[in-house]
N, C-alpha and C. Protein backbone atom coordinates (compact mmCIF):
# COMPACT_ATOMS: atom_id res chain seq x y z
N MET A 1 6.90 -15.12 0.61
CA MET A 1 6.72 -14.14 1.65
C MET A 1 5.45 -13.36 1.35
N LYS A 2 4.62 -13.17 2.37
CA LYS A 2 3.38 -12.43 2.21
C LYS A 2 3.39 -11.20 3.09
N LEU A 3 2.84 -10.13 2.56
CA LEU A 3 2.72 -8.87 3.29
C LEU A 3 1.56 -8.99 4.28
N LYS A 4 1.84 -8.76 5.57
CA LYS A 4 0.79 -8.84 6.58
C LYS A 4 0.37 -7.47 7.08
N SER A 5 1.30 -6.54 7.10
CA SER A 5 0.99 -5.16 7.50
C SER A 5 2.13 -4.26 7.04
N PHE A 6 1.84 -2.96 7.01
CA PHE A 6 2.86 -1.99 6.62
C PHE A 6 2.52 -0.64 7.22
N GLN A 7 3.49 0.25 7.19
CA GLN A 7 3.31 1.62 7.66
C GLN A 7 4.15 2.54 6.77
N VAL A 8 3.54 3.62 6.31
CA VAL A 8 4.22 4.58 5.45
C VAL A 8 4.38 5.88 6.22
N THR A 9 5.59 6.44 6.22
CA THR A 9 5.84 7.72 6.88
C THR A 9 6.62 8.63 5.94
N ASN A 10 6.30 9.91 6.00
CA ASN A 10 7.01 10.95 5.26
C ASN A 10 7.17 10.64 3.77
N TYR A 11 6.07 10.34 3.10
CA TYR A 11 6.09 10.11 1.65
C TYR A 11 4.96 10.92 1.04
N ARG A 12 5.31 11.83 0.14
CA ARG A 12 4.36 12.72 -0.51
C ARG A 12 3.42 13.35 0.50
N CYS A 13 2.10 13.10 0.39
CA CYS A 13 1.15 13.75 1.29
C CYS A 13 0.91 12.94 2.57
N ILE A 14 1.64 11.85 2.77
CA ILE A 14 1.42 11.00 3.94
C ILE A 14 2.50 11.30 4.98
N ASP A 15 2.07 11.84 6.13
CA ASP A 15 2.99 12.03 7.25
C ASP A 15 3.21 10.71 7.97
N ASP A 16 2.13 10.03 8.31
CA ASP A 16 2.18 8.73 8.98
C ASP A 16 0.87 8.01 8.74
N SER A 17 0.92 6.88 8.06
CA SER A 17 -0.30 6.14 7.74
C SER A 17 -0.80 5.34 8.92
N GLY A 18 0.05 5.15 9.93
CA GLY A 18 -0.28 4.20 10.99
C GLY A 18 -0.08 2.80 10.41
N VAL A 19 -0.28 1.80 11.22
CA VAL A 19 -0.11 0.43 10.75
C VAL A 19 -1.36 0.03 9.97
N VAL A 20 -1.14 -0.46 8.74
CA VAL A 20 -2.23 -0.90 7.87
C VAL A 20 -2.14 -2.42 7.77
N SER A 21 -3.17 -3.11 8.19
CA SER A 21 -3.21 -4.58 8.11
C SER A 21 -3.65 -5.01 6.72
N VAL A 22 -3.04 -6.07 6.23
CA VAL A 22 -3.40 -6.64 4.94
C VAL A 22 -3.98 -8.02 5.21
N GLU A 23 -5.25 -8.18 4.94
CA GLU A 23 -5.93 -9.45 5.16
C GLU A 23 -5.66 -10.38 3.98
N PRO A 24 -5.60 -11.69 4.21
CA PRO A 24 -5.28 -12.61 3.11
C PRO A 24 -6.37 -12.72 2.05
N ASP A 25 -7.63 -12.45 2.41
CA ASP A 25 -8.69 -12.63 1.42
C ASP A 25 -9.16 -11.32 0.80
N VAL A 26 -9.27 -10.23 1.56
CA VAL A 26 -9.77 -8.97 1.02
C VAL A 26 -9.08 -7.80 1.70
N THR A 27 -8.58 -6.88 0.89
CA THR A 27 -8.05 -5.63 1.41
C THR A 27 -8.44 -4.54 0.42
N CYS A 28 -9.01 -3.45 0.91
CA CYS A 28 -9.33 -2.34 0.03
C CYS A 28 -8.95 -1.04 0.74
N LEU A 29 -8.63 -0.05 -0.04
CA LEU A 29 -8.31 1.26 0.49
C LEU A 29 -9.49 2.18 0.24
N VAL A 30 -9.98 2.78 1.30
CA VAL A 30 -11.13 3.66 1.21
C VAL A 30 -10.75 4.99 1.81
N GLY A 31 -11.09 6.06 1.13
CA GLY A 31 -10.81 7.38 1.67
C GLY A 31 -11.33 8.46 0.74
N ARG A 32 -11.32 9.66 1.24
CA ARG A 32 -11.77 10.81 0.47
C ARG A 32 -10.80 11.08 -0.68
N ASN A 33 -11.25 11.87 -1.64
CA ASN A 33 -10.38 12.29 -2.73
C ASN A 33 -9.18 13.03 -2.16
N GLU A 34 -8.02 12.79 -2.76
CA GLU A 34 -6.77 13.45 -2.34
C GLU A 34 -6.36 13.11 -0.91
N SER A 35 -6.75 11.92 -0.43
CA SER A 35 -6.39 11.54 0.94
C SER A 35 -5.10 10.73 1.01
N GLY A 36 -4.53 10.35 -0.15
CA GLY A 36 -3.25 9.66 -0.15
C GLY A 36 -3.31 8.18 -0.48
N LYS A 37 -4.43 7.69 -0.99
CA LYS A 37 -4.54 6.27 -1.32
C LYS A 37 -3.52 5.87 -2.40
N THR A 38 -3.44 6.66 -3.45
CA THR A 38 -2.50 6.35 -4.53
C THR A 38 -1.06 6.50 -4.05
N ALA A 39 -0.77 7.51 -3.26
CA ALA A 39 0.59 7.70 -2.73
C ALA A 39 1.01 6.51 -1.88
N LEU A 40 0.09 5.97 -1.11
CA LEU A 40 0.38 4.81 -0.27
C LEU A 40 0.76 3.61 -1.14
N LEU A 41 0.00 3.37 -2.20
CA LEU A 41 0.30 2.26 -3.11
C LEU A 41 1.61 2.50 -3.88
N GLN A 42 1.86 3.74 -4.27
CA GLN A 42 3.11 4.06 -4.98
C GLN A 42 4.32 3.82 -4.08
N ASP A 43 4.20 4.13 -2.81
CA ASP A 43 5.30 3.89 -1.88
C ASP A 43 5.56 2.40 -1.72
N LEU A 44 4.51 1.60 -1.61
CA LEU A 44 4.69 0.16 -1.53
C LEU A 44 5.38 -0.38 -2.77
N ARG A 45 4.98 0.13 -3.93
CA ARG A 45 5.60 -0.33 -5.17
C ARG A 45 7.06 0.11 -5.25
N ARG A 46 7.37 1.28 -4.70
CA ARG A 46 8.75 1.79 -4.72
C ARG A 46 9.68 0.89 -3.91
N ILE A 47 9.20 0.37 -2.77
CA ILE A 47 10.07 -0.47 -1.95
C ILE A 47 10.06 -1.93 -2.40
N ASN A 48 9.05 -2.31 -3.22
CA ASN A 48 8.97 -3.67 -3.74
C ASN A 48 8.50 -3.61 -5.19
N PRO A 49 9.41 -3.26 -6.11
CA PRO A 49 9.01 -3.04 -7.51
C PRO A 49 8.45 -4.30 -8.16
N ASP A 50 7.59 -4.09 -9.13
CA ASP A 50 6.99 -5.15 -9.92
C ASP A 50 8.08 -5.81 -10.75
N ASP A 51 8.15 -7.13 -10.71
CA ASP A 51 9.17 -7.83 -11.49
C ASP A 51 8.65 -8.27 -12.86
N GLY A 52 7.44 -7.81 -13.23
CA GLY A 52 6.89 -8.16 -14.53
C GLY A 52 6.08 -9.43 -14.53
N VAL A 53 6.07 -10.18 -13.43
CA VAL A 53 5.31 -11.43 -13.36
C VAL A 53 3.92 -11.11 -12.84
N ARG A 54 2.92 -11.57 -13.57
CA ARG A 54 1.53 -11.36 -13.16
C ARG A 54 0.96 -12.68 -12.68
N SER A 55 0.32 -12.66 -11.52
CA SER A 55 -0.32 -13.88 -11.02
C SER A 55 -1.79 -13.84 -11.37
N VAL A 56 -2.37 -15.00 -11.59
CA VAL A 56 -3.79 -15.11 -11.89
C VAL A 56 -4.46 -15.80 -10.72
N ALA A 57 -5.47 -15.14 -10.17
CA ALA A 57 -6.15 -15.72 -8.99
C ALA A 57 -7.19 -16.72 -9.40
């Protein structure tokens, strides 16, 4: 299963991220300091925790 898009609401400093598309080849998060980039990634990890397996590209 691959993540194609997601939306974060009511988590830490994020009220509503809107729909964020995840492209298969490149995805990056860009924003000002303290804009919620890390909170967005932490929320994704919270709903899909790391199982300890690392993939090598």
